[in-house]
Protein backbone atom coordinates (compact mmCIF):
# COMPACT_ATOMS: atom_id res chain seq x y z
CA MET A 1 -0.26 -0.04 -0.43
CA THR A 2 1.18 3.83 -1.05
CA ARG A 3 0.24 6.55 1.84
CA ILE A 4 -0.04 9.65 -0.61
CA SER A 5 -0.14 12.89 2.21
CA ILE A 6 -2.33 15.07 0.95
CA ALA A 7 -1.32 19.34 2.11
CA LEU A 8 -3.68 22.02 1.61
CA PHE A 9 -2.43 25.97 2.57
CA ASN A 10 -3.55 29.18 1.79
CA PHE A 11 -0.12 31.13 2.66
CA GLU A 12 -1.34 34.84 3.01
CA ASN A 13 0.29 36.84 -0.29
CA GLY A 14 2.48 33.89 -0.80
CA GLY A 15 4.57 35.41 1.55
CA LEU A 16 5.22 38.48 -0.30
CA ARG A 17 5.60 41.56 1.78
CA ASP A 18 7.04 45.15 1.49
CA GLY A 19 8.25 43.82 -2.60
CA HIS A 20 10.23 40.76 -0.81
CA HIS A 21 9.11 36.98 -0.86
CA TYR A 22 9.83 35.77 2.78
CA LEU A 23 9.37 32.43 2.20
CA LYS A 24 9.89 31.19 5.58
CA PRO A 25 6.57 31.08 7.19
CA LEU A 26 6.01 28.64 4.85
CA VAL A 27 8.27 25.91 6.04
CA ASP A 28 6.73 27.05 9.38
CA ALA A 29 3.39 25.96 9.34
CA PHE A 30 4.55 22.48 8.49
CA ARG A 31 6.70 22.61 11.15
CA GLU A 32 4.60 19.73 13.49
CA VAL A 33 3.74 17.10 10.12
CA THR A 34 5.66 14.50 10.33
CA THR A 35 5.20 12.84 7.06
CA PRO A 36 6.57 14.59 4.06
CA PRO A 37 3.67 15.87 1.67
CA ALA A 38 3.66 13.51 -1.58
CA LEU A 39 1.04 17.13 -2.70
CA ILE A 40 1.08 20.38 -1.62
CA LEU A 41 -2.00 22.75 -2.86
CA LEU A 42 -0.70 26.21 -2.18
CA CYS A 43 -3.94 29.01 -3.25
CA GLU A 44 -1.80 32.03 -2.84
CA ALA A 45 1.28 31.88 -5.28
CA LYS A 46 1.56 36.19 -5.68
CA GLN A 47 4.18 36.84 -7.99
CA TRP A 48 5.43 33.23 -7.78
CA GLN A 49 6.04 33.41 -11.81
CA ALA A 50 8.51 36.46 -11.14
CA ASN A 51 12.33 36.18 -12.01
CA GLY A 52 11.73 33.09 -13.96
CA ASN A 53 9.47 30.92 -11.58
CA GLN A 54 11.91 31.90 -8.59
CA PRO A 55 9.95 32.25 -5.64
CA LEU A 56 7.62 29.09 -7.31
CA HIS A 57 11.45 27.43 -7.20
CA GLN A 58 12.63 28.79 -3.64
CA ALA A 59 9.71 27.22 -1.89
CA ALA A 60 9.70 23.80 -3.81
CA GLU A 61 13.78 23.97 -2.49
CA LEU A 62 12.78 25.34 0.93
CA LEU A 63 10.08 22.28 1.30
CA ALA A 64 12.81 19.67 -0.03
CA ASP A 65 15.35 20.65 2.31
CA ARG A 66 12.81 20.37 5.27
CA PHE A 67 11.22 16.73 4.08
CA ALA A 68 14.46 15.45 2.50
CA THR A 69 12.19 15.33 -0.91
CA PRO A 70 13.02 16.59 -3.98
CA TYR A 71 9.22 19.16 -5.00
CA VAL A 72 8.45 19.64 -8.17
CA GLY A 73 6.48 23.13 -8.45
CA VAL A 74 4.30 24.13 -11.17
CA LEU A 75 1.91 27.39 -11.20
CA GLY A 76 -2.15 27.63 -12.03
CA HIS A 77 -4.34 30.36 -13.78
CA ASP A 78 -5.92 33.20 -12.08
CA PRO A 79 -8.25 35.27 -14.56
CA ARG A 80 -8.23 38.75 -11.38
CA GLY A 81 -4.87 39.12 -11.04
CA PRO A 82 -1.06 37.86 -10.54
CA MET A 83 -2.13 35.37 -7.05
CA PRO A 84 -2.01 32.68 -8.76
CA PRO A 85 -2.50 28.77 -7.32
CA ALA A 86 0.51 26.66 -7.09
CA ILE A 87 1.05 22.33 -6.75
CA LEU A 88 3.95 21.36 -5.28
CA TYR A 89 4.05 17.25 -5.47
CA ASP A 90 6.69 14.25 -4.82
CA PRO A 91 8.20 12.96 -8.49
CA THR A 92 9.46 9.84 -6.83
CA LEU A 93 5.55 9.06 -5.67
CA LEU A 94 3.88 10.72 -8.37
CA THR A 95 4.54 11.25 -12.34
CA LEU A 96 2.62 14.31 -13.69
CA ARG A 97 0.83 14.04 -16.91
CA SER A 98 -0.86 17.10 -17.20
CA TRP A 99 -1.28 20.54 -15.93
CA TYR A 100 -2.73 23.27 -18.16
CA ASP A 101 0.10 26.26 -18.69
CA PRO A 102 -1.67 29.27 -17.50
CA ALA A 103 -0.21 31.11 -20.76
CA ASP A 104 -1.81 28.19 -22.86
CA ARG A 105 -4.96 30.42 -24.51
CA ASN A 106 -6.52 27.30 -25.31
CA ALA A 107 -7.21 25.29 -22.01
CA PHE A 108 -10.80 25.31 -21.36
CA ASP A 109 -11.90 27.48 -17.81
CA ASP A 110 -12.92 23.93 -16.13
CA LYS A 111 -9.24 22.29 -17.04
CA ARG A 112 -7.07 24.80 -15.26
CA ASN A 113 -5.43 23.75 -12.23
CA VAL A 114 -5.96 20.67 -12.61
CA ALA A 115 -3.99 18.20 -12.83
CA HIS A 116 -3.54 14.74 -13.53
CA PHE A 117 -1.41 12.19 -11.57
CA ALA A 118 -0.92 9.28 -11.68
CA VAL A 119 0.88 6.87 -8.57
CA ARG A 120 4.29 5.60 -9.22
CA SER A 121 4.46 2.10 -7.19
CA SER A 122 0.94 1.11 -8.74
CA GLY A 123 2.21 -0.26 -12.10
CA GLU A 124 4.73 -1.40 -13.77
CA HIS A 125 4.17 0.20 -17.14
CA PRO A 126 2.79 3.86 -17.92
CA ASP A 127 -0.71 2.13 -18.97
CA SER A 128 -1.41 -0.28 -16.01
CA ARG A 129 -0.96 2.49 -13.04
CA THR A 130 -3.25 4.30 -10.80
CA GLU A 131 -4.06 7.81 -12.25
CA PHE A 132 -5.97 10.38 -10.02
CA LEU A 133 -7.45 14.04 -10.94
CA ALA A 134 -6.17 16.59 -8.51
CA PHE A 135 -7.18 20.39 -8.71
CA VAL A 136 -6.54 23.19 -6.53
CA ALA A 137 -8.60 26.39 -6.42
CA HIS A 138 -9.31 29.95 -4.38
CA TRP A 139 -12.86 31.29 -4.57
CA ASP A 140 -13.54 34.85 -4.86
CA VAL A 141 -13.26 36.46 -1.34
CA HIS A 142 -16.53 39.35 -2.43
CA CYS A 143 -19.26 37.82 -3.82
CA GLY A 144 -21.16 34.61 -3.12
CA THR A 145 -22.46 34.70 -6.54
CA ARG A 146 -19.00 34.67 -8.63
CA ARG A 147 -18.10 31.88 -6.30
CA ARG A 148 -21.25 30.09 -7.26
CA GLN A 149 -19.89 30.22 -11.13
CA GLN A 150 -16.42 28.62 -9.92
CA ALA A 151 -18.54 26.50 -8.46
CA ALA A 152 -19.98 25.10 -11.78
CA LEU A 153 -16.52 24.61 -13.06
CA LEU A 154 -15.70 21.87 -11.32
CA ASP A 155 -19.37 20.23 -10.63
CA ARG A 156 -18.42 17.34 -13.23
CA TYR A 157 -15.80 16.21 -11.37
CA GLY A 158 -17.87 14.50 -8.93
CA ASP A 159 -18.95 12.26 -10.94
CA ALA A 160 -15.73 11.81 -12.71
CA PRO A 161 -14.55 7.93 -13.04
CA LEU A 162 -11.38 8.98 -12.30
CA PRO A 163 -10.10 9.65 -8.36
CA VAL A 164 -10.46 12.90 -8.19
CA ILE A 165 -9.12 15.38 -4.74
CA GLY A 166 -9.15 19.02 -4.60
CA GLY A 167 -8.79 21.52 -2.20
CA GLY A 168 -8.62 25.44 -1.91
CA ASP A 169 -9.77 28.60 0.07
CA LEU A 170 -13.36 28.36 -1.37
CA ASN A 171 -14.19 31.02 1.56
CA ALA A 172 -17.13 29.86 2.33
CA THR A 173 -18.46 27.21 4.17
CA ALA A 174 -20.98 24.49 4.00
CA SER A 175 -24.52 23.99 5.52
CA GLY A 176 -24.85 21.92 9.03
CA PRO A 177 -24.76 22.88 12.83
CA HIS A 178 -21.68 20.50 13.27
CA LEU A 179 -18.92 22.70 11.61
CA PRO A 180 -18.03 26.42 12.44
CA GLN A 181 -20.33 28.95 13.50
CA ARG A 182 -20.24 32.52 13.00
CA ASP A 183 -21.06 35.04 15.02
CA TRP A 184 -22.77 37.73 12.21
CA THR A 185 -23.81 40.49 14.94
CA ILE A 186 -20.51 40.85 15.31
CA ALA A 187 -18.86 41.06 11.92
CA ASN A 188 -19.00 44.48 10.08
CA TYR A 189 -21.88 44.84 6.72
CA ARG A 190 -18.88 44.19 4.49
CA ALA A 191 -17.47 40.88 6.17
CA ARG A 192 -21.08 39.84 5.80
CA ARG A 193 -22.02 40.28 2.53
CA GLN A 194 -18.31 38.69 1.76
CA LYS A 195 -19.37 35.59 3.54
CA GLY A 196 -22.89 35.69 4.57
CA GLN A 197 -26.20 36.61 3.51
CA ARG A 198 -29.36 38.47 4.80
CA MET A 199 -32.92 36.59 5.58
CA PRO A 200 -35.94 37.85 5.05
CA ASP A 201 -36.38 38.41 8.72
CA GLY A 202 -32.92 40.80 8.83
CA THR A 203 -31.13 37.98 10.36
CA TRP A 204 -27.78 37.15 8.42
CA VAL A 205 -26.15 33.18 7.68
CA ALA A 206 -23.10 31.47 5.98
CA ASP A 207 -23.97 31.96 2.80
CA THR A 208 -23.16 28.10 2.00
CA ASP A 209 -24.74 28.00 -1.48
CA ALA A 210 -21.35 27.20 -3.57
CA VAL A 211 -20.08 24.71 -1.37
CA ASP A 212 -23.23 22.96 -0.71
CA HIS A 213 -23.32 23.06 -4.73
CA LEU A 214 -20.78 20.22 -4.61
CA VAL A 215 -21.01 18.26 -1.52
CA GLY A 216 -24.69 19.40 -0.98
CA ARG A 217 -27.15 21.01 1.62
CA TRP A 218 -27.58 19.30 4.95
CA ASN A 219 -30.61 17.63 5.64
CA PRO A 220 -31.04 18.46 9.78
CA HIS A 221 -34.08 15.34 9.91
CA ALA A 222 -31.74 12.32 7.97
CA ARG A 223 -28.13 14.22 8.82
CA THR A 224 -26.98 13.58 5.55
CA ARG A 225 -26.47 15.35 2.88
CA THR A 226 -28.82 15.97 0.19
CA ASP A 227 -28.25 16.50 -3.71
CA GLY A 228 -25.15 18.17 -4.83
CA CYS A 229 -22.72 17.09 -7.50
CA GLY A 230 -20.75 13.89 -6.19
CA PHE A 231 -18.36 15.42 -4.51
CA HIS A 232 -17.56 14.87 -0.62
CA SER A 233 -15.81 16.86 2.21
CA VAL A 234 -13.07 14.79 3.83
CA ALA A 235 -13.57 17.06 6.95
CA GLU A 236 -17.01 15.16 7.33
CA LEU A 237 -15.51 11.95 6.88
CA ALA A 238 -13.31 12.26 9.65
CA TRP A 239 -16.16 13.69 11.65
CA ARG A 240 -18.40 10.68 10.62
CA ALA A 241 -15.98 8.45 11.69
CA ASP A 242 -15.06 9.68 14.96
CA PRO A 243 -17.99 12.78 15.89
CA ALA A 244 -17.00 13.53 19.40
CA ALA A 245 -14.27 15.30 17.51
CA ALA A 246 -15.35 18.70 16.81
CA LEU A 247 -14.04 20.12 13.23
CA LEU A 248 -11.97 23.06 13.28
CA PRO A 249 -12.10 26.40 11.93
CA THR A 250 -9.39 26.83 8.67
CA VAL A 251 -8.92 30.51 9.30
CA ASN A 252 -6.38 31.38 12.99
CA ASP A 253 -7.82 33.06 15.67
CA ASP A 254 -8.95 37.24 15.33
CA VAL A 255 -8.69 36.97 11.69
CA ASP A 256 -12.17 37.21 11.25
CA ALA A 257 -14.43 39.12 13.54
CA GLY A 258 -17.25 36.74 15.46
CA GLY A 259 -15.77 33.65 14.73
CA GLY A 260 -13.48 31.66 12.17
CA LEU A 261 -15.08 29.15 9.39
CA LEU A 262 -13.95 26.03 7.63
CA ILE A 263 -13.44 27.65 4.39
CA ASP A 264 -10.51 25.92 3.19
CA TRP A 265 -11.98 22.35 1.79
CA LEU A 266 -10.33 19.05 1.11
CA LEU A 267 -13.31 17.31 -1.35
CA VAL A 268 -13.05 13.81 -2.93
CA ASN A 269 -15.51 12.56 -5.66
CA SER A 270 -16.65 9.37 -5.02
CA ALA A 271 -14.18 7.29 -7.33
CA MET A 272 -11.50 8.42 -4.65
CA LEU A 273 -13.50 7.31 -1.03
CA ALA A 274 -12.25 4.13 -0.78
CA HIS A 275 -8.71 5.90 -0.84
CA VAL A 276 -9.08 8.31 2.18
CA VAL A 277 -8.26 7.63 5.02
CA PRO A 278 -10.48 9.66 7.45
CA HIS A 279 -8.56 9.55 10.77
CA THR A 280 -5.76 11.07 9.20
CA TYR A 281 -7.08 14.58 8.72
CA ARG A 282 -5.53 17.43 10.67
CA VAL A 283 -6.37 20.96 11.09
CA HIS A 284 -2.84 22.45 12.25
CA VAL A 285 -3.35 24.93 15.25
CA PRO A 286 -0.17 27.47 15.25
CA LEU A 287 1.31 26.78 18.58
CA CYS A 288 2.73 30.35 18.37
CA ARG A 289 2.35 34.28 16.84
CA PRO A 290 3.32 35.39 14.50
CA TYR A 291 1.03 32.94 12.48
CA PRO A 292 2.99 31.46 9.02
CA SER A 293 -0.64 33.14 7.93
CA ASP A 294 -3.67 33.78 8.58
CA HIS A 295 -5.03 30.31 7.46
CA ARG A 296 -4.49 26.94 8.80
CA LEU A 297 -2.56 24.06 7.23
CA VAL A 298 -4.67 21.36 6.68
CA THR A 299 -3.86 17.48 5.84
CA ALA A 300 -5.17 14.53 5.42
CA ASP A 301 -3.41 11.28 3.65
CA LEU A 302 -4.73 8.97 0.51
CA HIS A 303 -3.66 5.31 0.41
CA PHE A 304 -3.15 3.76 -3.19
CA ASP A 305 -2.38 -0.02 -3.94
CA THR A 306 1.09 -0.57 -4.54
CA LEU A 307 2.39 -2.92 -7.52
CA ASN A 308 3.59 -6.86 -5.65
CA THR A 309 6.39 -7.32 -7.37
CA PRO A 310 7.71 -11.12 -7.67
CA SER A 311 10.67 -11.72 -5.57
CA SER A 312 13.80 -12.97 -7.77
CA PRO A 313 14.42 -16.59 -7.28
């Protein structure tokens, strides 16, 4: 069995401060991580394309030194500005089979930031290896309508025949009282409009429409999700395996007035469910300040069958 550890992290501004990239906090975020991630999904690689992708390669080198793992990095595409997502992966465990170049004008929007991997240990030959898709996303912070449109670009992967795992700062939570909640009376109007919605009676609740589109809306009577496009939350898979373990916000304390929400999601489709190791899901709460980022690192493991090579006589 080959275990593939996945890490999701929204590294604030990609470490860009005062015109310079400070990447040590990226390494600090992994301080308590013992298993080298095979796949790292990063949401804010701000200006990492500068100077021949130098910040991207520096981030890969720093994490390679941290984990003694030869990471390779690729940059994604963000039409809103120079803050694309990025993926780092371990080429000794994974083979990258496709990834659309950010400058490729012929790429369809629903194929951008979606990587196609093969698990190297799962077959002797390329055509016998287990494949899966991995997407990284960073949804709009300002508008729930735009987030719903971004969810629509991913919904077809929910019932894809290939296993799919995706992660990102989706800037929204899902429905359900078991998820972290926010006191919207404390948040100011702008913050409410960004991640909340006003009900007819004037009260405010979380805007869950975009994430619910992918995972389904919470049914309080059946205590399960209904509808949705076939995705499952890894956080909820872990919670179902151990309901006594509370789900944690994925933003750090004092970031959002009224309390943080779970907005950094790892999602899998039904074809990937059998490969998820639910109890490995973890939101890493920083032990000291200053925080490495305004968001928390999220990790989980997948497992895939390993090719059984006959012993030599």
